[in-house]
């Protein structure tokens, strides 16, 4: 497995974490700490529309969910971490 460093502290991300959450950019310690800012990821849900295009009647078939990186939280957390370490 290729080396991946934490985006905050630059230390290696634990192999177990990288395998369980391939999209992660944070080590375990910082993944817990970013929870104060809303977490590393956000779950987004969209209703599936099954009606014909242009129809006035809307039929919803289900919900599709996916994770999106919480860039706002990451930026705020990185700034706070840098302010703490510069003291």
PDB file of N, CA and C in Angstrom:
ATOM      1  N   UNK A   1       0.846  -1.178   0.000  1.00  0.00           N
ATOM      2  CA  UNK A   1       0.000   0.000   0.000  1.00  0.00           C
ATOM      3  C   UNK A   1       0.895   1.246   0.000  1.00  0.00           C
ATOM      4  N   UNK A   2       0.533   2.226  -0.764  1.00  0.00           N
ATOM      5  CA  UNK A   2       1.313   3.450  -0.864  1.00  0.00           C
ATOM      6  C   UNK A   2       1.162   4.288   0.405  1.00  0.00           C
ATOM      7  N   UNK A   3       2.222   5.018   0.733  1.00  0.00           N
ATOM      8  CA  UNK A   3       2.215   5.904   1.895  1.00  0.00           C
ATOM      9  C   UNK A   3       1.237   7.049   1.657  1.00  0.00           C
ATOM     10  N   UNK A   4       0.413   7.293   2.657  1.00  0.00           N
ATOM     11  CA  UNK A   4      -0.471   8.468   2.633  1.00  0.00           C
ATOM     12  C   UNK A   4      -0.334   9.149   3.973  1.00  0.00           C
ATOM     13  N   UNK A   5      -0.055  10.438   3.933  1.00  0.00           N
ATOM     14  CA  UNK A   5       0.099  11.191   5.164  1.00  0.00           C
ATOM     15  C   UNK A   5      -1.178  11.930   5.531  1.00  0.00           C
ATOM     16  N   UNK A   6      -1.339  12.155   6.822  1.00  0.00           N
ATOM     17  CA  UNK A   6      -2.472  12.932   7.330  1.00  0.00           C
ATOM     18  C   UNK A   6      -2.351  14.354   6.804  1.00  0.00           C
ATOM     19  N   UNK A   7      -3.443  14.918   6.391  1.00  0.00           N
ATOM     20  CA  UNK A   7      -3.448  16.273   5.838  1.00  0.00           C
ATOM     21  C   UNK A   7      -3.140  17.322   6.903  1.00  0.00           C
ATOM     22  N   UNK A   8      -3.309  16.984   8.168  1.00  0.00           N
ATOM     23  CA  UNK A   8      -3.085  17.932   9.249  1.00  0.00           C
ATOM     24  C   UNK A   8      -1.663  17.828   9.801  1.00  0.00           C
ATOM     25  N   UNK A   9      -1.256  16.622  10.235  1.00  0.00           N
ATOM     26  CA  UNK A   9       0.039  16.459  10.909  1.00  0.00           C
ATOM     27  C   UNK A   9       1.115  15.831  10.028  1.00  0.00           C
ATOM     28  N   UNK A  10       0.758  15.360   8.859  1.00  0.00           N
ATOM     29  CA  UNK A  10       1.679  14.741   7.893  1.00  0.00           C
ATOM     30  C   UNK A  10       2.212  13.378   8.329  1.00  0.00           C
ATOM     31  N   UNK A  11       1.735  12.846   9.461  1.00  0.00           N
ATOM     32  CA  UNK A  11       2.129  11.499   9.886  1.00  0.00           C
ATOM     33  C   UNK A  11       1.361  10.487   9.050  1.00  0.00           C
ATOM     34  N   UNK A  12       1.890   9.254   8.918  1.00  0.00           N
ATOM     35  CA  UNK A  12       1.201   8.250   8.097  1.00  0.00           C
ATOM     36  C   UNK A  12      -0.199   7.919   8.639  1.00  0.00           C
ATOM     37  N   UNK A  13      -1.137   7.764   7.728  1.00  0.00           N
ATOM     38  CA  UNK A  13      -2.482   7.316   8.094  1.00  0.00           C
ATOM     39  C   UNK A  13      -2.396   5.818   8.368  1.00  0.00           C
ATOM     40  N   UNK A  14      -3.013   5.381   9.438  1.00  0.00           N
ATOM     41  CA  UNK A  14      -2.978   3.980   9.829  1.00  0.00           C
ATOM     42  C   UNK A  14      -3.518   3.114   8.691  1.00  0.00           C
ATOM     43  N   UNK A  15      -2.826   2.006   8.347  1.00  0.00           N
ATOM     44  CA  UNK A  15      -3.264   1.159   7.230  1.00  0.00           C
ATOM     45  C   UNK A  15      -4.690   0.635   7.384  1.00  0.00           C
ATOM     46  N   UNK A  16      -5.092   0.320   8.625  1.00  0.00           N
ATOM     47  CA  UNK A  16      -6.449  -0.178   8.853  1.00  0.00           C
ATOM     48  C   UNK A  16      -7.481   0.884   8.498  1.00  0.00           C
ATOM     49  N   UNK A  17      -7.204   2.129   8.873  1.00  0.00           N
ATOM     50  CA  UNK A  17      -8.123   3.229   8.571  1.00  0.00           C
ATOM     51  C   UNK A  17      -8.173   3.488   7.072  1.00  0.00           C
ATOM     52  N   UNK A  18      -7.023   3.501   6.424  1.00  0.00           N
ATOM     53  CA  UNK A  18      -6.967   3.739   4.977  1.00  0.00           C
ATOM     54  C   UNK A  18      -7.706   2.642   4.207  1.00  0.00           C
ATOM     55  N   UNK A  19      -7.656   1.416   4.717  1.00  0.00           N
ATOM     56  CA  UNK A  19      -8.363   0.312   4.062  1.00  0.00           C
ATOM     57  C   UNK A  19      -9.867   0.408   4.296  1.00  0.00           C
ATOM     58  N   UNK A  20     -10.264   0.781   5.514  1.00  0.00           N
ATOM     59  CA  UNK A  20     -11.689   0.861   5.845  1.00  0.00           C
ATOM     60  C   UNK A  20     -12.360   2.063   5.191  1.00  0.00           C
ATOM     61  N   UNK A  21     -11.651   3.195   5.119  1.00  0.00           N
ATOM     62  CA  UNK A  21     -12.204   4.426   4.545  1.00  0.00           C
ATOM     63  C   UNK A  21     -11.197   4.943   3.506  1.00  0.00           C
ATOM     64  N   UNK A  22     -11.239   4.423   2.281  1.00  0.00           N
ATOM     65  CA  UNK A  22     -10.238   4.785   1.275  1.00  0.00           C
ATOM     66  C   UNK A  22     -10.158   6.283   0.971  1.00  0.00           C
ATOM     67  N   UNK A  23     -11.226   7.027   1.136  1.00  0.00           N
ATOM     68  CA  UNK A  23     -11.222   8.455   0.802  1.00  0.00           C
ATOM     69  C   UNK A  23     -10.691   9.339   1.926  1.00  0.00           C
ATOM     70  N   UNK A  24     -10.327   8.758   3.064  1.00  0.00           N
ATOM     71  CA  UNK A  24      -9.885   9.564   4.198  1.00  0.00           C
ATOM     72  C   UNK A  24      -8.562  10.257   3.912  1.00  0.00           C
ATOM     73  N   UNK A  25      -8.397  11.410   4.529  1.00  0.00           N
ATOM     74  CA  UNK A  25      -7.147  12.160   4.445  1.00  0.00           C
ATOM     75  C   UNK A  25      -6.599  12.465   5.834  1.00  0.00           C
ATOM     76  N   UNK A  26      -7.227  11.871   6.865  1.00  0.00           N
ATOM     77  CA  UNK A  26      -6.851  12.166   8.244  1.00  0.00           C
ATOM     78  C   UNK A  26      -6.478  10.910   9.009  1.00  0.00           C
ATOM     79  N   UNK A  27      -5.538  11.051   9.954  1.00  0.00           N
ATOM     80  CA  UNK A  27      -5.221   9.944  10.854  1.00  0.00           C
ATOM     81  C   UNK A  27      -6.366   9.796  11.866  1.00  0.00           C
ATOM     82  N   UNK A  28      -6.323   8.739  12.654  1.00  0.00           N
ATOM     83  CA  UNK A  28      -7.401   8.459  13.602  1.00  0.00           C
ATOM     84  C   UNK A  28      -7.582   9.605  14.601  1.00  0.00           C
ATOM     85  N   UNK A  29      -6.471  10.103  15.145  1.00  0.00           N
ATOM     86  CA  UNK A  29      -6.550  11.179  16.140  1.00  0.00           C
ATOM     87  C   UNK A  29      -7.266  12.399  15.566  1.00  0.00           C
ATOM     88  N   UNK A  30      -6.877  12.827  14.393  1.00  0.00           N
ATOM     89  CA  UNK A  30      -7.467  14.033  13.819  1.00  0.00           C
ATOM     90  C   UNK A  30      -8.871  13.783  13.261  1.00  0.00           C
ATOM     91  N   UNK A  31      -9.174  12.555  12.883  1.00  0.00           N
ATOM     92  CA  UNK A  31     -10.532  12.220  12.457  1.00  0.00           C
ATOM     93  C   UNK A  31     -11.501  12.392  13.625  1.00  0.00           C
ATOM     94  N   UNK A  32     -11.049  12.052  14.839  1.00  0.00           N
ATOM     95  CA  UNK A  32     -11.900  12.257  16.024  1.00  0.00           C
ATOM     96  C   UNK A  32     -12.014  13.741  16.361  1.00  0.00           C
ATOM     97  N   UNK A  33     -10.909  14.457  16.267  1.00  0.00           N
ATOM     98  CA  UNK A  33     -10.911  15.870  16.633  1.00  0.00           C
ATOM     99  C   UNK A  33     -11.725  16.736  15.676  1.00  0.00           C
ATOM    100  N   UNK A  34     -11.789  16.368  14.403  1.00  0.00           N
ATOM    101  CA  UNK A  34     -12.531  17.179  13.431  1.00  0.00           C
ATOM    102  C   UNK A  34     -14.042  17.078  13.660  1.00  0.00           C
ATOM    103  N   UNK A  35     -14.448  16.145  14.503  1.00  0.00           N
ATOM    104  CA  UNK A  35     -15.863  16.009  14.842  1.00  0.00           C
ATOM    105  C   UNK A  35     -16.454  17.289  15.420  1.00  0.00           C
ATOM    106  N   UNK A  36     -15.631  18.088  16.106  1.00  0.00           N
ATOM    107  CA  UNK A  36     -16.088  19.373  16.649  1.00  0.00           C
ATOM    108  C   UNK A  36     -16.525  20.336  15.546  1.00  0.00           C
ATOM    109  N   UNK A  37     -15.988  20.141  14.359  1.00  0.00           N
ATOM    110  CA  UNK A  37     -16.244  21.054  13.244  1.00  0.00           C
ATOM    111  C   UNK A  37     -17.244  20.477  12.231  1.00  0.00           C
ATOM    112  N   UNK A  38     -17.801  19.315  12.541  1.00  0.00           N
ATOM    113  CA  UNK A  38     -18.796  18.728  11.655  1.00  0.00           C
ATOM    114  C   UNK A  38     -18.375  17.423  11.016  1.00  0.00           C
ATOM    115  N   UNK A  39     -17.167  16.967  11.269  1.00  0.00           N
ATOM    116  CA  UNK A  39     -16.702  15.689  10.744  1.00  0.00           C
ATOM    117  C   UNK A  39     -16.005  15.826   9.395  1.00  0.00           C
ATOM    118  N   UNK A  40     -15.267  14.769   9.039  1.00  0.00           N
ATOM    119  CA  UNK A  40     -14.508  14.762   7.783  1.00  0.00           C
ATOM    120  C   UNK A  40     -15.430  14.635   6.573  1.00  0.00           C
ATOM    121  N   UNK A  41     -16.537  13.916   6.733  1.00  0.00           N
ATOM    122  CA  UNK A  41     -17.471  13.692   5.631  1.00  0.00           C
ATOM    123  C   UNK A  41     -18.879  14.094   6.042  1.00  0.00           C
ATOM    124  N   UNK A  42     -19.701  14.416   5.047  1.00  0.00           N
ATOM    125  CA  UNK A  42     -21.129  14.662   5.248  1.00  0.00           C
ATOM    126  C   UNK A  42     -21.895  13.676   4.374  1.00  0.00           C
ATOM    127  N   UNK A  43     -22.985  13.169   4.899  1.00  0.00           N
ATOM    128  CA  UNK A  43     -23.829  12.285   4.117  1.00  0.00           C
ATOM    129  C   UNK A  43     -24.898  13.123   3.435  1.00  0.00           C
ATOM    130  N   UNK A  44     -25.011  12.957   2.133  1.00  0.00           N
ATOM    131  CA  UNK A  44     -25.968  13.710   1.332  1.00  0.00           C
ATOM    132  C   UNK A  44     -26.987  12.721   0.774  1.00  0.00           C
ATOM    133  N   UNK A  45     -28.256  13.097   0.776  1.00  0.00           N
ATOM    134  CA  UNK A  45     -29.314  12.230   0.266  1.00  0.00           C
ATOM    135  C   UNK A  45     -30.087  12.938  -0.849  1.00  0.00           C
ATOM    136  N   UNK A  46     -30.405  12.205  -1.894  1.00  0.00           N
ATOM    137  CA  UNK A  46     -31.215  12.711  -3.003  1.00  0.00           C
ATOM    138  C   UNK A  46     -32.392  11.775  -3.229  1.00  0.00           C
ATOM    139  N   UNK A  47     -33.571  12.354  -3.444  1.00  0.00           N
ATOM    140  CA  UNK A  47     -34.734  11.533  -3.772  1.00  0.00           C
ATOM    141  C   UNK A  47     -34.652  11.141  -5.243  1.00  0.00           C
ATOM    142  N   UNK A  48     -34.906   9.865  -5.520  1.00  0.00           N
ATOM    143  CA  UNK A  48     -34.911   9.373  -6.886  1.00  0.00           C
ATOM    144  C   UNK A  48     -36.268   9.659  -7.511  1.00  0.00           C
ATOM    145  N   UNK A  49     -36.298  10.405  -8.603  1.00  0.00           N
ATOM    146  CA  UNK A  49     -37.546  10.736  -9.301  1.00  0.00           C
ATOM    147  C   UNK A  49     -37.747   9.701 -10.405  1.00  0.00           C
ATOM    148  N   UNK A  50     -38.888   9.004 -10.352  1.00  0.00           N
ATOM    149  CA  UNK A  50     -39.163   7.966 -11.350  1.00  0.00           C
ATOM    150  C   UNK A  50     -40.222   8.391 -12.366  1.00  0.00           C
ATOM    151  N   UNK A  51     -40.720   9.599 -12.264  1.00  0.00           N
ATOM    152  CA  UNK A  51     -41.749  10.059 -13.207  1.00  0.00           C
ATOM    153  C   UNK A  51     -41.101  10.411 -14.551  1.00  0.00           C
ATOM    154  N   UNK A  52     -41.937  10.499 -15.565  1.00  0.00           N
ATOM    155  CA  UNK A  52     -41.447  10.831 -16.903  1.00  0.00           C
ATOM    156  C   UNK A  52     -40.985  12.277 -16.945  1.00  0.00           C
ATOM    157  N   UNK A  53     -40.012  12.533 -17.780  1.00  0.00           N
ATOM    158  CA  UNK A  53     -39.487  13.883 -17.949  1.00  0.00           C
ATOM    159  C   UNK A  53     -40.595  14.821 -18.442  1.00  0.00           C
ATOM    160  N   UNK A  54     -40.759  15.945 -17.782  1.00  0.00           N
ATOM    161  CA  UNK A  54     -41.768  16.923 -18.176  1.00  0.00           C
ATOM    162  C   UNK A  54     -43.130  16.703 -17.548  1.00  0.00           C
ATOM    163  N   UNK A  55     -43.316  15.600 -16.852  1.00  0.00           N
ATOM    164  CA  UNK A  55     -44.603  15.315 -16.225  1.00  0.00           C
ATOM    165  C   UNK A  55     -44.820  16.220 -15.013  1.00  0.00           C
ATOM    166  N   UNK A  56     -46.059  16.662 -14.817  1.00  0.00           N
ATOM    167  CA  UNK A  56     -46.375  17.475 -13.649  1.00  0.00           C
ATOM    168  C   UNK A  56     -46.491  16.622 -12.392  1.00  0.00           C
ATOM    169  N   UNK A  57     -46.799  15.342 -12.577  1.00  0.00           N
ATOM    170  CA  UNK A  57     -46.906  14.440 -11.440  1.00  0.00           C
ATOM    171  C   UNK A  57     -45.509  13.894 -11.128  1.00  0.00           C
ATOM    172  N   UNK A  58     -45.094  14.031  -9.900  1.00  0.00           N
ATOM    173  CA  UNK A  58     -43.774  13.567  -9.490  1.00  0.00           C
ATOM    174  C   UNK A  58     -43.899  12.273  -8.707  1.00  0.00           C
ATOM    175  N   UNK A  59     -43.195  11.254  -9.140  1.00  0.00           N
ATOM    176  CA  UNK A  59     -43.140   9.975  -8.448  1.00  0.00           C
ATOM    177  C   UNK A  59     -41.728   9.803  -7.898  1.00  0.00           C
ATOM    178  N   UNK A  60     -41.632   9.474  -6.633  1.00  0.00           N
ATOM    179  CA  UNK A  60     -40.335   9.280  -6.007  1.00  0.00           C
ATOM    180  C   UNK A  60     -40.171   7.804  -5.688  1.00  0.00           C
ATOM    181  N   UNK A  61     -39.065   7.238  -6.155  1.00  0.00           N
ATOM    182  CA  UNK A  61     -38.859   5.808  -5.994  1.00  0.00           C
ATOM    183  C   UNK A  61     -38.032   5.427  -4.802  1.00  0.00           C
ATOM    184  N   UNK A  62     -37.183   6.273  -4.343  1.00  0.00           N
ATOM    185  CA  UNK A  62     -36.315   5.929  -3.230  1.00  0.00           C
ATOM    186  C   UNK A  62     -35.376   7.074  -2.928  1.00  0.00           C
ATOM    187  N   UNK A  63     -34.353   6.756  -2.158  1.00  0.00           N
ATOM    188  CA  UNK A  63     -33.372   7.763  -1.776  1.00  0.00           C
ATOM    189  C   UNK A  63     -31.988   7.200  -2.043  1.00  0.00           C
ATOM    190  N   UNK A  64     -31.144   7.993  -2.674  1.00  0.00           N
ATOM    191  CA  UNK A  64     -29.759   7.629  -2.904  1.00  0.00           C
ATOM    192  C   UNK A  64     -28.886   8.483  -1.990  1.00  0.00           C
ATOM    193  N   UNK A  65     -27.993   7.839  -1.251  1.00  0.00           N
ATOM    194  CA  UNK A  65     -27.103   8.572  -0.356  1.00  0.00           C
ATOM    195  C   UNK A  65     -25.660   8.414  -0.811  1.00  0.00           C
ATOM    196  N   UNK A  66     -24.860   9.417  -0.514  1.00  0.00           N
ATOM    197  CA  UNK A  66     -23.427   9.340  -0.775  1.00  0.00           C
ATOM    198  C   UNK A  66     -22.706  10.280   0.179  1.00  0.00           C
ATOM    199  N   UNK A  67     -21.419  10.052   0.344  1.00  0.00           N
ATOM    200  CA  UNK A  67     -20.611  10.883   1.236  1.00  0.00           C
ATOM    201  C   UNK A  67     -19.893  11.948   0.430  1.00  0.00           C
ATOM    202  N   UNK A  68     -19.833  13.117   1.003  1.00  0.00           N
ATOM    203  CA  UNK A  68     -19.128  14.243   0.384  1.00  0.00           C
ATOM    204  C   UNK A  68     -18.147  14.790   1.424  1.00  0.00           C
ATOM    205  N   UNK A  69     -16.947  15.114   0.983  1.00  0.00           N
ATOM    206  CA  UNK A  69     -15.940  15.656   1.887  1.00  0.00           C
ATOM    207  C   UNK A  69     -16.414  16.996   2.453  1.00  0.00           C
ATOM    208  N   UNK A  70     -16.239  17.176   3.733  1.00  0.00           N
ATOM    209  CA  UNK A  70     -16.647  18.401   4.418  1.00  0.00           C
ATOM    210  C   UNK A  70     -15.464  19.374   4.393  1.00  0.00           C
ATOM    211  N   UNK A  71     -15.277  20.057   3.270  1.00  0.00           N
ATOM    212  CA  UNK A  71     -14.110  20.926   3.095  1.00  0.00           C
ATOM    213  C   UNK A  71     -14.126  22.119   4.054  1.00  0.00           C
ATOM    214  N   UNK A  72     -15.301  22.641   4.363  1.00  0.00           N
ATOM    215  CA  UNK A  72     -15.405  23.746   5.329  1.00  0.00           C
ATOM    216  C   UNK A  72     -14.813  23.347   6.676  1.00  0.00           C
ATOM    217  N   UNK A  73     -15.208  22.179   7.163  1.00  0.00           N
ATOM    218  CA  UNK A  73     -14.720  21.700   8.456  1.00  0.00           C
ATOM    219  C   UNK A  73     -13.222  21.453   8.390  1.00  0.00           C
ATOM    220  N   UNK A  74     -12.745  20.907   7.290  1.00  0.00           N
ATOM    221  CA  UNK A  74     -11.323  20.623   7.144  1.00  0.00           C
ATOM    222  C   UNK A  74     -10.495  21.908   7.183  1.00  0.00           C
ATOM    223  N   UNK A  75     -10.953  22.949   6.516  1.00  0.00           N
ATOM    224  CA  UNK A  75     -10.248  24.230   6.504  1.00  0.00           C
ATOM    225  C   UNK A  75     -10.238  24.845   7.909  1.00  0.00           C
ATOM    226  N   UNK A  76     -11.392  24.848   8.578  1.00  0.00           N
ATOM    227  CA  UNK A  76     -11.478  25.413   9.926  1.00  0.00           C
ATOM    228  C   UNK A  76     -10.606  24.635  10.915  1.00  0.00           C
ATOM    229  N   UNK A  77     -10.621  23.300  10.796  1.00  0.00           N
ATOM    230  CA  UNK A  77      -9.826  22.457  11.684  1.00  0.00           C
ATOM    231  C   UNK A  77      -8.334  22.670  11.432  1.00  0.00           C
ATOM    232  N   UNK A  78      -7.926  22.751  10.178  1.00  0.00           N
ATOM    233  CA  UNK A  78      -6.517  22.964   9.835  1.00  0.00           C
ATOM    234  C   UNK A  78      -6.031  24.301  10.395  1.00  0.00           C
ATOM    235  N   UNK A  79      -6.851  25.351  10.252  1.00  0.00           N
ATOM    236  CA  UNK A  79      -6.484  26.668  10.787  1.00  0.00           C
ATOM    237  C   UNK A  79      -6.346  26.626  12.310  1.00  0.00           C
ATOM    238  N   UNK A  80      -7.264  25.958  12.987  1.00  0.00           N
ATOM    239  CA  UNK A  80      -7.215  25.845  14.445  1.00  0.00           C
ATOM    240  C   UNK A  80      -5.990  25.042  14.882  1.00  0.00           C
ATOM    241  N   UNK A  81      -5.675  23.976  14.156  1.00  0.00           N
ATOM    242  CA  UNK A  81      -4.511  23.149  14.476  1.00  0.00           C
ATOM    243  C   UNK A  81      -3.224  23.952  14.315  1.00  0.00           C
ATOM    244  N   UNK A  82      -3.114  24.726  13.249  1.00  0.00           N
ATOM    245  CA  UNK A  82      -1.925  25.546  13.023  1.00  0.00           C
ATOM    246  C   UNK A  82      -1.787  26.617  14.097  1.00  0.00           C
ATOM    247  N   UNK A  83      -2.896  27.219  14.502  1.00  0.00           N
ATOM    248  CA  UNK A  83      -2.857  28.227  15.562  1.00  0.00           C
ATOM    249  C   UNK A  83      -2.397  27.608  16.880  1.00  0.00           C
ATOM    250  N   UNK A  84      -2.845  26.366  17.170  1.00  0.00           N
ATOM    251  CA  UNK A  84      -2.427  25.671  18.406  1.00  0.00           C
ATOM    252  C   UNK A  84      -0.948  25.340  18.379  1.00  0.00           C
ATOM    253  N   UNK A  85      -0.437  24.873  17.239  1.00  0.00           N
ATOM    254  CA  UNK A  85       0.946  24.425  17.169  1.00  0.00           C
ATOM    255  C   UNK A  85       1.940  25.575  17.059  1.00  0.00           C
ATOM    256  N   UNK A  86       1.492  26.749  16.651  1.00  0.00           N
ATOM    257  CA  UNK A  86       2.394  27.896  16.537  1.00  0.00           C
ATOM    258  C   UNK A  86       2.663  28.568  17.861  1.00  0.00           C
ATOM    259  N   UNK A  87       1.856  28.275  18.871  1.00  0.00           N
ATOM    260  CA  UNK A  87       2.030  28.906  20.199  1.00  0.00           C
ATOM    261  C   UNK A  87       3.286  28.437  20.861  1.00  0.00           C
TER     262      UNK A  87
END
